[in-house]
Amino acid sequence: MEKAKVNKYFAVLKAVLDECNLHVKPSSIRNMDETGLQLDHRPPKVIPPTGSKYLHSRTSGNREMITVIGAVNAAGGAVSPHVIVKEKT
């Protein structure tokens, strides 16, 4: 992250909030993101030929994943990350 880009983002956010006459507390502005993590991803070590642009490797083929969710607010508060795992139905 670059400080200039972060500052620009918050300047634009403030301009939009002012333009729409929205007076909100920083603790009410929230952001959440999720990411998926593959559980069995251990590709073997591969030594590519010199000058190769693409590297192909084989993995187990197991597509089982877990999801991790994180959330923060503009005041700096955060909730503990949540982990969602596959369960038998």
PDB file of N, CA and C in Angstrom:
ATOM      1  N   MET A   1       0.838  -1.178   0.000  1.00  0.00           N
ATOM      2  CA  MET A   1       0.000   0.000   0.000  1.00  0.00           C
ATOM      3  C   MET A   1       0.878   1.235   0.000  1.00  0.00           C
ATOM      4  N   GLU A   2       0.433   2.194  -0.765  1.00  0.00           N
ATOM      5  CA  GLU A   2       1.163   3.451  -0.818  1.00  0.00           C
ATOM      6  C   GLU A   2       0.364   4.514  -0.069  1.00  0.00           C
ATOM      7  N   LYS A   3       1.060   5.274   0.771  1.00  0.00           N
ATOM      8  CA  LYS A   3       0.404   6.271   1.604  1.00  0.00           C
ATOM      9  C   LYS A   3      -0.379   7.283   0.763  1.00  0.00           C
ATOM     10  N   ALA A   4       0.170   7.689  -0.374  1.00  0.00           N
ATOM     11  CA  ALA A   4      -0.504   8.672  -1.228  1.00  0.00           C
ATOM     12  C   ALA A   4      -1.840   8.134  -1.742  1.00  0.00           C
ATOM     13  N   LYS A   5      -1.863   6.852  -2.127  1.00  0.00           N
ATOM     14  CA  LYS A   5      -3.104   6.246  -2.637  1.00  0.00           C
ATOM     15  C   LYS A   5      -4.143   6.107  -1.535  1.00  0.00           C
ATOM     16  N   VAL A   6      -3.708   5.741  -0.343  1.00  0.00           N
ATOM     17  CA  VAL A   6      -4.629   5.610   0.789  1.00  0.00           C
ATOM     18  C   VAL A   6      -5.214   6.972   1.141  1.00  0.00           C
ATOM     19  N   ASN A   7      -4.371   7.992   1.178  1.00  0.00           N
ATOM     20  CA  ASN A   7      -4.849   9.349   1.466  1.00  0.00           C
ATOM     21  C   ASN A   7      -5.840   9.828   0.408  1.00  0.00           C
ATOM     22  N   LYS A   8      -5.560   9.523  -0.858  1.00  0.00           N
ATOM     23  CA  LYS A   8      -6.469   9.908  -1.935  1.00  0.00           C
ATOM     24  C   LYS A   8      -7.817   9.209  -1.774  1.00  0.00           C
ATOM     25  N   TYR A   9      -7.797   7.916  -1.444  1.00  0.00           N
ATOM     26  CA  TYR A   9      -9.046   7.170  -1.238  1.00  0.00           C
ATOM     27  C   TYR A   9      -9.900   7.835  -0.161  1.00  0.00           C
ATOM     28  N   PHE A  10      -9.291   8.161   0.974  1.00  0.00           N
ATOM     29  CA  PHE A  10     -10.056   8.751   2.064  1.00  0.00           C
ATOM     30  C   PHE A  10     -10.508  10.176   1.741  1.00  0.00           C
ATOM     31  N   ALA A  11      -9.751  10.904   0.939  1.00  0.00           N
ATOM     32  CA  ALA A  11     -10.177  12.238   0.512  1.00  0.00           C
ATOM     33  C   ALA A  11     -11.419  12.133  -0.378  1.00  0.00           C
ATOM     34  N   VAL A  12     -11.422  11.164  -1.293  1.00  0.00           N
ATOM     35  CA  VAL A  12     -12.580  10.961  -2.164  1.00  0.00           C
ATOM     36  C   VAL A  12     -13.776  10.483  -1.342  1.00  0.00           C
ATOM     37  N   LEU A  13     -13.553   9.580  -0.399  1.00  0.00           N
ATOM     38  CA  LEU A  13     -14.640   9.102   0.462  1.00  0.00           C
ATOM     39  C   LEU A  13     -15.252  10.260   1.238  1.00  0.00           C
ATOM     40  N   LYS A  14     -14.409  11.130   1.792  1.00  0.00           N
ATOM     41  CA  LYS A  14     -14.913  12.289   2.536  1.00  0.00           C
ATOM     42  C   LYS A  14     -15.718  13.206   1.628  1.00  0.00           C
ATOM     43  N   ALA A  15     -15.239  13.417   0.407  1.00  0.00           N
ATOM     44  CA  ALA A  15     -15.960  14.274  -0.545  1.00  0.00           C
ATOM     45  C   ALA A  15     -17.336  13.705  -0.860  1.00  0.00           C
ATOM     46  N   VAL A  16     -17.424  12.397  -1.049  1.00  0.00           N
ATOM     47  CA  VAL A  16     -18.717  11.756  -1.343  1.00  0.00           C
ATOM     48  C   VAL A  16     -19.647  11.871  -0.142  1.00  0.00           C
ATOM     49  N   LEU A  17     -19.132  11.621   1.057  1.00  0.00           N
ATOM     50  CA  LEU A  17     -19.963  11.723   2.256  1.00  0.00           C
ATOM     51  C   LEU A  17     -20.462  13.153   2.448  1.00  0.00           C
ATOM     52  N   ASP A  18     -19.601  14.137   2.194  1.00  0.00           N
ATOM     53  CA  ASP A  18     -19.998  15.543   2.318  1.00  0.00           C
ATOM     54  C   ASP A  18     -21.027  15.921   1.249  1.00  0.00           C
ATOM     55  N   GLU A  19     -20.785  15.467   0.023  1.00  0.00           N
ATOM     56  CA  GLU A  19     -21.689  15.786  -1.095  1.00  0.00           C
ATOM     57  C   GLU A  19     -23.087  15.215  -0.858  1.00  0.00           C
ATOM     58  N   CYS A  20     -23.147  14.020  -0.287  1.00  0.00           N
ATOM     59  CA  CYS A  20     -24.444  13.376  -0.031  1.00  0.00           C
ATOM     60  C   CYS A  20     -25.008  13.759   1.330  1.00  0.00           C
ATOM     61  N   ASN A  21     -24.300  14.654   2.024  1.00  0.00           N
ATOM     62  CA  ASN A  21     -24.720  15.119   3.348  1.00  0.00           C
ATOM     63  C   ASN A  21     -24.903  13.958   4.331  1.00  0.00           C
ATOM     64  N   LEU A  22     -23.971  13.030   4.289  1.00  0.00           N
ATOM     65  CA  LEU A  22     -23.999  11.879   5.202  1.00  0.00           C
ATOM     66  C   LEU A  22     -23.024  12.146   6.344  1.00  0.00           C
ATOM     67  N   HIS A  23     -23.538  12.228   7.537  1.00  0.00           N
ATOM     68  CA  HIS A  23     -22.698  12.461   8.709  1.00  0.00           C
ATOM     69  C   HIS A  23     -22.652  11.166   9.502  1.00  0.00           C
ATOM     70  N   VAL A  24     -21.619  10.383   9.279  1.00  0.00           N
ATOM     71  CA  VAL A  24     -21.486   9.098   9.947  1.00  0.00           C
ATOM     72  C   VAL A  24     -20.217   9.083  10.775  1.00  0.00           C
ATOM     73  N   LYS A  25     -20.253   8.314  11.825  1.00  0.00           N
ATOM     74  CA  LYS A  25     -19.066   8.138  12.662  1.00  0.00           C
ATOM     75  C   LYS A  25     -18.124   7.147  11.977  1.00  0.00           C
ATOM     76  N   PRO A  26     -16.819   7.298  12.163  1.00  0.00           N
ATOM     77  CA  PRO A  26     -15.875   6.341  11.577  1.00  0.00           C
ATOM     78  C   PRO A  26     -16.151   4.895  12.009  1.00  0.00           C
ATOM     79  N   SER A  27     -16.675   4.722  13.210  1.00  0.00           N
ATOM     80  CA  SER A  27     -16.958   3.362  13.667  1.00  0.00           C
ATOM     81  C   SER A  27     -18.120   2.726  12.909  1.00  0.00           C
ATOM     82  N   SER A  28     -18.881   3.550  12.160  1.00  0.00           N
ATOM     83  CA  SER A  28     -20.001   3.028  11.375  1.00  0.00           C
ATOM     84  C   SER A  28     -19.615   2.690   9.938  1.00  0.00           C
ATOM     85  N   ILE A  29     -18.395   3.051   9.541  1.00  0.00           N
ATOM     86  CA  ILE A  29     -17.921   2.728   8.190  1.00  0.00           C
ATOM     87  C   ILE A  29     -17.113   1.443   8.298  1.00  0.00           C
ATOM     88  N   ARG A  30     -17.603   0.398   7.657  1.00  0.00           N
ATOM     89  CA  ARG A  30     -16.983  -0.928   7.795  1.00  0.00           C
ATOM     90  C   ARG A  30     -16.533  -1.473   6.452  1.00  0.00           C
ATOM     91  N   ASN A  31     -15.557  -2.352   6.506  1.00  0.00           N
ATOM     92  CA  ASN A  31     -15.088  -3.057   5.319  1.00  0.00           C
ATOM     93  C   ASN A  31     -14.847  -4.511   5.703  1.00  0.00           C
ATOM     94  N   MET A  32     -15.261  -5.411   4.816  1.00  0.00           N
ATOM     95  CA  MET A  32     -15.087  -6.836   5.062  1.00  0.00           C
ATOM     96  C   MET A  32     -14.501  -7.464   3.804  1.00  0.00           C
ATOM     97  N   ASP A  33     -13.662  -8.460   3.979  1.00  0.00           N
ATOM     98  CA  ASP A  33     -13.100  -9.168   2.839  1.00  0.00           C
ATOM     99  C   ASP A  33     -12.994 -10.642   3.196  1.00  0.00           C
ATOM    100  N   GLU A  34     -13.052 -11.465   2.168  1.00  0.00           N
ATOM    101  CA  GLU A  34     -12.904 -12.896   2.388  1.00  0.00           C
ATOM    102  C   GLU A  34     -11.898 -13.439   1.392  1.00  0.00           C
ATOM    103  N   THR A  35     -11.275 -14.530   1.786  1.00  0.00           N
ATOM    104  CA  THR A  35     -10.343 -15.199   0.890  1.00  0.00           C
ATOM    105  C   THR A  35     -10.460 -16.699   1.098  1.00  0.00           C
ATOM    106  N   GLY A  36     -10.211 -17.439   0.042  1.00  0.00           N
ATOM    107  CA  GLY A  36     -10.248 -18.897   0.122  1.00  0.00           C
ATOM    108  C   GLY A  36      -8.835 -19.447   0.159  1.00  0.00           C
ATOM    109  N   LEU A  37      -8.618 -20.426   1.005  1.00  0.00           N
ATOM    110  CA  LEU A  37      -7.302 -21.050   1.120  1.00  0.00           C
ATOM    111  C   LEU A  37      -7.439 -22.540   0.819  1.00  0.00           C
ATOM    112  N   GLN A  38      -6.638 -23.019  -0.121  1.00  0.00           N
ATOM    113  CA  GLN A  38      -6.665 -24.431  -0.467  1.00  0.00           C
ATOM    114  C   GLN A  38      -5.924 -25.208   0.619  1.00  0.00           C
ATOM    115  N   LEU A  39      -6.537 -26.281   1.107  1.00  0.00           N
ATOM    116  CA  LEU A  39      -5.966 -27.012   2.233  1.00  0.00           C
ATOM    117  C   LEU A  39      -4.762 -27.869   1.859  1.00  0.00           C
ATOM    118  N   ASP A  40      -4.794 -28.495   0.696  1.00  0.00           N
ATOM    119  CA  ASP A  40      -3.724 -29.430   0.346  1.00  0.00           C
ATOM    120  C   ASP A  40      -3.012 -28.944  -0.907  1.00  0.00           C
ATOM    121  N   HIS A  41      -2.213 -27.906  -0.762  1.00  0.00           N
ATOM    122  CA  HIS A  41      -1.504 -27.351  -1.908  1.00  0.00           C
ATOM    123  C   HIS A  41      -0.006 -27.425  -1.617  1.00  0.00           C
ATOM    124  N   ARG A  42       0.595 -28.522  -1.994  1.00  0.00           N
ATOM    125  CA  ARG A  42       2.032 -28.702  -1.785  1.00  0.00           C
ATOM    126  C   ARG A  42       2.670 -29.146  -3.098  1.00  0.00           C
ATOM    127  N   PRO A  43       2.860 -28.201  -4.024  1.00  0.00           N
ATOM    128  CA  PRO A  43       3.492 -28.608  -5.274  1.00  0.00           C
ATOM    129  C   PRO A  43       4.945 -29.012  -5.043  1.00  0.00           C
ATOM    130  N   PRO A  44       5.429 -29.952  -5.828  1.00  0.00           N
ATOM    131  CA  PRO A  44       6.842 -30.347  -5.664  1.00  0.00           C
ATOM    132  C   PRO A  44       7.749 -29.225  -6.142  1.00  0.00           C
ATOM    133  N   LYS A  45       8.991 -29.275  -5.686  1.00  0.00           N
ATOM    134  CA  LYS A  45       9.968 -28.289  -6.140  1.00  0.00           C
ATOM    135  C   LYS A  45      10.309 -28.590  -7.601  1.00  0.00           C
ATOM    136  N   VAL A  46      10.274 -27.550  -8.418  1.00  0.00           N
ATOM    137  CA  VAL A  46      10.546 -27.701  -9.841  1.00  0.00           C
ATOM    138  C   VAL A  46      11.634 -26.712 -10.225  1.00  0.00           C
ATOM    139  N   ILE A  47      12.607 -27.187 -10.979  1.00  0.00           N
ATOM    140  CA  ILE A  47      13.664 -26.312 -11.475  1.00  0.00           C
ATOM    141  C   ILE A  47      13.404 -26.115 -12.970  1.00  0.00           C
ATOM    142  N   PRO A  48      12.944 -24.924 -13.345  1.00  0.00           N
ATOM    143  CA  PRO A  48      12.609 -24.686 -14.756  1.00  0.00           C
ATOM    144  C   PRO A  48      13.853 -24.427 -15.593  1.00  0.00           C
ATOM    145  N   PRO A  49      13.736 -24.659 -16.879  1.00  0.00           N
ATOM    146  CA  PRO A  49      14.859 -24.329 -17.764  1.00  0.00           C
ATOM    147  C   PRO A  49      15.098 -22.820 -17.779  1.00  0.00           C
ATOM    148  N   THR A  50      16.311 -22.415 -18.012  1.00  0.00           N
ATOM    149  CA  THR A  50      16.651 -20.995 -18.065  1.00  0.00           C
ATOM    150  C   THR A  50      15.836 -20.302 -19.161  1.00  0.00           C
ATOM    151  N   GLY A  51      15.247 -19.160 -18.810  1.00  0.00           N
ATOM    152  CA  GLY A  51      14.503 -18.369 -19.781  1.00  0.00           C
ATOM    153  C   GLY A  51      13.047 -18.764 -19.949  1.00  0.00           C
ATOM    154  N   SER A  52      12.582 -19.789 -19.230  1.00  0.00           N
ATOM    155  CA  SER A  52      11.175 -20.186 -19.382  1.00  0.00           C
ATOM    156  C   SER A  52      10.267 -19.158 -18.727  1.00  0.00           C
ATOM    157  N   LYS A  53       9.136 -18.866 -19.388  1.00  0.00           N
ATOM    158  CA  LYS A  53       8.220 -17.853 -18.886  1.00  0.00           C
ATOM    159  C   LYS A  53       7.123 -18.463 -18.024  1.00  0.00           C
ATOM    160  N   TYR A  54       6.773 -19.687 -18.267  1.00  0.00           N
ATOM    161  CA  TYR A  54       5.673 -20.320 -17.547  1.00  0.00           C
ATOM    162  C   TYR A  54       6.176 -21.550 -16.810  1.00  0.00           C
ATOM    163  N   LEU A  55       5.699 -21.712 -15.606  1.00  0.00           N
ATOM    164  CA  LEU A  55       6.115 -22.842 -14.785  1.00  0.00           C
ATOM    165  C   LEU A  55       4.889 -23.665 -14.441  1.00  0.00           C
ATOM    166  N   HIS A  56       4.860 -24.899 -14.846  1.00  0.00           N
ATOM    167  CA  HIS A  56       3.734 -25.783 -14.561  1.00  0.00           C
ATOM    168  C   HIS A  56       4.145 -26.751 -13.455  1.00  0.00           C
ATOM    169  N   SER A  57       3.253 -26.929 -12.505  1.00  0.00           N
ATOM    170  CA  SER A  57       3.525 -27.901 -11.446  1.00  0.00           C
ATOM    171  C   SER A  57       2.249 -28.681 -11.171  1.00  0.00           C
ATOM    172  N   ARG A  58       2.396 -29.826 -10.593  1.00  0.00           N
ATOM    173  CA  ARG A  58       1.248 -30.671 -10.293  1.00  0.00           C
ATOM    174  C   ARG A  58       0.984 -30.644  -8.795  1.00  0.00           C
ATOM    175  N   THR A  59      -0.298 -30.627  -8.458  1.00  0.00           N
ATOM    176  CA  THR A  59      -0.686 -30.715  -7.055  1.00  0.00           C
ATOM    177  C   THR A  59      -1.565 -31.940  -6.900  1.00  0.00           C
ATOM    178  N   SER A  60      -2.057 -32.148  -5.701  1.00  0.00           N
ATOM    179  CA  SER A  60      -2.809 -33.365  -5.407  1.00  0.00           C
ATOM    180  C   SER A  60      -4.158 -33.430  -6.116  1.00  0.00           C
ATOM    181  N   GLY A  61      -4.692 -32.292  -6.557  1.00  0.00           N
ATOM    182  CA  GLY A  61      -6.014 -32.290  -7.168  1.00  0.00           C
ATOM    183  C   GLY A  61      -7.127 -32.127  -6.148  1.00  0.00           C
ATOM    184  N   ASN A  62      -6.762 -32.112  -4.872  1.00  0.00           N
ATOM    185  CA  ASN A  62      -7.751 -31.914  -3.816  1.00  0.00           C
ATOM    186  C   ASN A  62      -8.169 -30.451  -3.839  1.00  0.00           C
ATOM    187  N   ARG A  63      -9.454 -30.190  -4.062  1.00  0.00           N
ATOM    188  CA  ARG A  63      -9.951 -28.819  -4.173  1.00  0.00           C
ATOM    189  C   ARG A  63     -10.599 -28.327  -2.886  1.00  0.00           C
ATOM    190  N   GLU A  64     -10.419 -29.049  -1.791  1.00  0.00           N
ATOM    191  CA  GLU A  64     -11.042 -28.642  -0.537  1.00  0.00           C
ATOM    192  C   GLU A  64     -10.426 -27.331  -0.052  1.00  0.00           C
ATOM    193  N   MET A  65     -11.296 -26.412   0.339  1.00  0.00           N
ATOM    194  CA  MET A  65     -10.842 -25.090   0.752  1.00  0.00           C
ATOM    195  C   MET A  65     -11.511 -24.672   2.050  1.00  0.00           C
ATOM    196  N   ILE A  66     -10.901 -23.691   2.700  1.00  0.00           N
ATOM    197  CA  ILE A  66     -11.539 -23.022   3.826  1.00  0.00           C
ATOM    198  C   ILE A  66     -11.648 -21.539   3.457  1.00  0.00           C
ATOM    199  N   THR A  67     -12.592 -20.854   4.062  1.00  0.00           N
ATOM    200  CA  THR A  67     -12.780 -19.434   3.815  1.00  0.00           C
ATOM    201  C   THR A  67     -12.448 -18.670   5.077  1.00  0.00           C
ATOM    202  N   VAL A  68     -11.678 -17.599   4.934  1.00  0.00           N
ATOM    203  CA  VAL A  68     -11.328 -16.745   6.059  1.00  0.00           C
ATOM    204  C   VAL A  68     -11.914 -15.363   5.789  1.00  0.00           C
ATOM    205  N   ILE A  69     -12.653 -14.826   6.780  1.00  0.00           N
ATOM    206  CA  ILE A  69     -13.294 -13.525   6.645  1.00  0.00           C
ATOM    207  C   ILE A  69     -12.726 -12.583   7.706  1.00  0.00           C
ATOM    208  N   GLY A  70     -12.362 -11.381   7.279  1.00  0.00           N
ATOM    209  CA  GLY A  70     -11.884 -10.356   8.198  1.00  0.00           C
ATOM    210  C   GLY A  70     -12.696  -9.091   8.010  1.00  0.00           C
ATOM    211  N   ALA A  71     -12.925  -8.331   9.084  1.00  0.00           N
ATOM    212  CA  ALA A  71     -13.695  -7.089   8.998  1.00  0.00           C
ATOM    213  C   ALA A  71     -13.087  -6.046   9.926  1.00  0.00           C
ATOM    214  N   VAL A  72     -13.058  -4.799   9.443  1.00  0.00           N
ATOM    215  CA  VAL A  72     -12.540  -3.671  10.221  1.00  0.00           C
ATOM    216  C   VAL A  72     -13.456  -2.472  10.011  1.00  0.00           C
ATOM    217  N   ASN A  73     -13.314  -1.468  10.878  1.00  0.00           N
ATOM    218  CA  ASN A  73     -14.042  -0.222  10.658  1.00  0.00           C
ATOM    219  C   ASN A  73     -13.042   0.920  10.514  1.00  0.00           C
ATOM    220  N   ALA A  74     -13.525   2.097  10.106  1.00  0.00           N
ATOM    221  CA  ALA A  74     -12.642   3.228   9.832  1.00  0.00           C
ATOM    222  C   ALA A  74     -12.011   3.804  11.093  1.00  0.00           C
ATOM    223  N   ALA A  75     -12.532   3.440  12.257  1.00  0.00           N
ATOM    224  CA  ALA A  75     -11.949   3.912  13.516  1.00  0.00           C
ATOM    225  C   ALA A  75     -10.798   3.009  13.972  1.00  0.00           C
ATOM    226  N   GLY A  76     -10.552   1.928  13.227  1.00  0.00           N
ATOM    227  CA  GLY A  76      -9.461   1.022  13.573  1.00  0.00           C
ATOM    228  C   GLY A  76      -9.900  -0.206  14.340  1.00  0.00           C
ATOM    229  N   GLY A  77     -11.187  -0.334  14.612  1.00  0.00           N
ATOM    230  CA  GLY A  77     -11.688  -1.515  15.307  1.00  0.00           C
ATOM    231  C   GLY A  77     -11.778  -2.703  14.361  1.00  0.00           C
ATOM    232  N   ALA A  78     -11.632  -3.885  14.891  1.00  0.00           N
ATOM    233  CA  ALA A  78     -11.695  -5.095  14.073  1.00  0.00           C
ATOM    234  C   ALA A  78     -12.366  -6.216  14.844  1.00  0.00           C
ATOM    235  N   VAL A  79     -12.952  -7.133  14.111  1.00  0.00           N
ATOM    236  CA  VAL A  79     -13.454  -8.359  14.722  1.00  0.00           C
ATOM    237  C   VAL A  79     -12.438  -9.452  14.441  1.00  0.00           C
ATOM    238  N   SER A  80     -12.405 -10.453  15.280  1.00  0.00           N
ATOM    239  CA  SER A  80     -11.486 -11.567  15.055  1.00  0.00           C
ATOM    240  C   SER A  80     -11.816 -12.230  13.727  1.00  0.00           C
ATOM    241  N   PRO A  81     -10.806 -12.700  13.002  1.00  0.00           N
ATOM    242  CA  PRO A  81     -11.087 -13.372  11.728  1.00  0.00           C
ATOM    243  C   PRO A  81     -12.004 -14.579  11.949  1.00  0.00           C
ATOM    244  N   HIS A  82     -12.910 -14.795  11.025  1.00  0.00           N
ATOM    245  CA  HIS A  82     -13.797 -15.948  11.061  1.00  0.00           C
ATOM    246  C   HIS A  82     -13.336 -16.955  10.033  1.00  0.00           C
ATOM    247  N   VAL A  83     -13.338 -18.216  10.392  1.00  0.00           N
ATOM    248  CA  VAL A  83     -12.915 -19.282   9.498  1.00  0.00           C
ATOM    249  C   VAL A  83     -14.123 -20.175   9.235  1.00  0.00           C
ATOM    250  N   ILE A  84     -14.412 -20.399   7.966  1.00  0.00           N
ATOM    251  CA  ILE A  84     -15.522 -21.250   7.568  1.00  0.00           C
ATOM    252  C   ILE A  84     -14.927 -22.505   6.928  1.00  0.00           C
ATOM    253  N   VAL A  85     -15.245 -23.660   7.493  1.00  0.00           N
ATOM    254  CA  VAL A  85     -14.721 -24.937   6.995  1.00  0.00           C
ATOM    255  C   VAL A  85     -15.859 -25.775   6.441  1.00  0.00           C
ATOM    256  N   LYS A  86     -15.513 -26.732   5.613  1.00  0.00           N
ATOM    257  CA  LYS A  86     -16.485 -27.640   5.043  1.00  0.00           C
ATOM    258  C   LYS A  86     -16.989 -28.580   6.127  1.00  0.00           C
ATOM    259  N   GLU A  87     -18.299 -28.843   6.100  1.00  0.00           N
ATOM    260  CA  GLU A  87     -18.888 -29.747   7.067  1.00  0.00           C
ATOM    261  C   GLU A  87     -19.729 -30.771   6.324  1.00  0.00           C
ATOM    262  N   LYS A  88     -19.831 -31.964   6.892  1.00  0.00           N
ATOM    263  CA  LYS A  88     -20.687 -32.979   6.279  1.00  0.00           C
ATOM    264  C   LYS A  88     -22.144 -32.601   6.494  1.00  0.00           C
ATOM    265  N   THR A  89     -22.968 -32.849   5.482  1.00  0.00           N
ATOM    266  CA  THR A  89     -24.388 -32.523   5.603  1.00  0.00           C
ATOM    267  C   THR A  89     -25.183 -33.750   6.008  1.00  0.00           C
TER     268      THR A  89
END
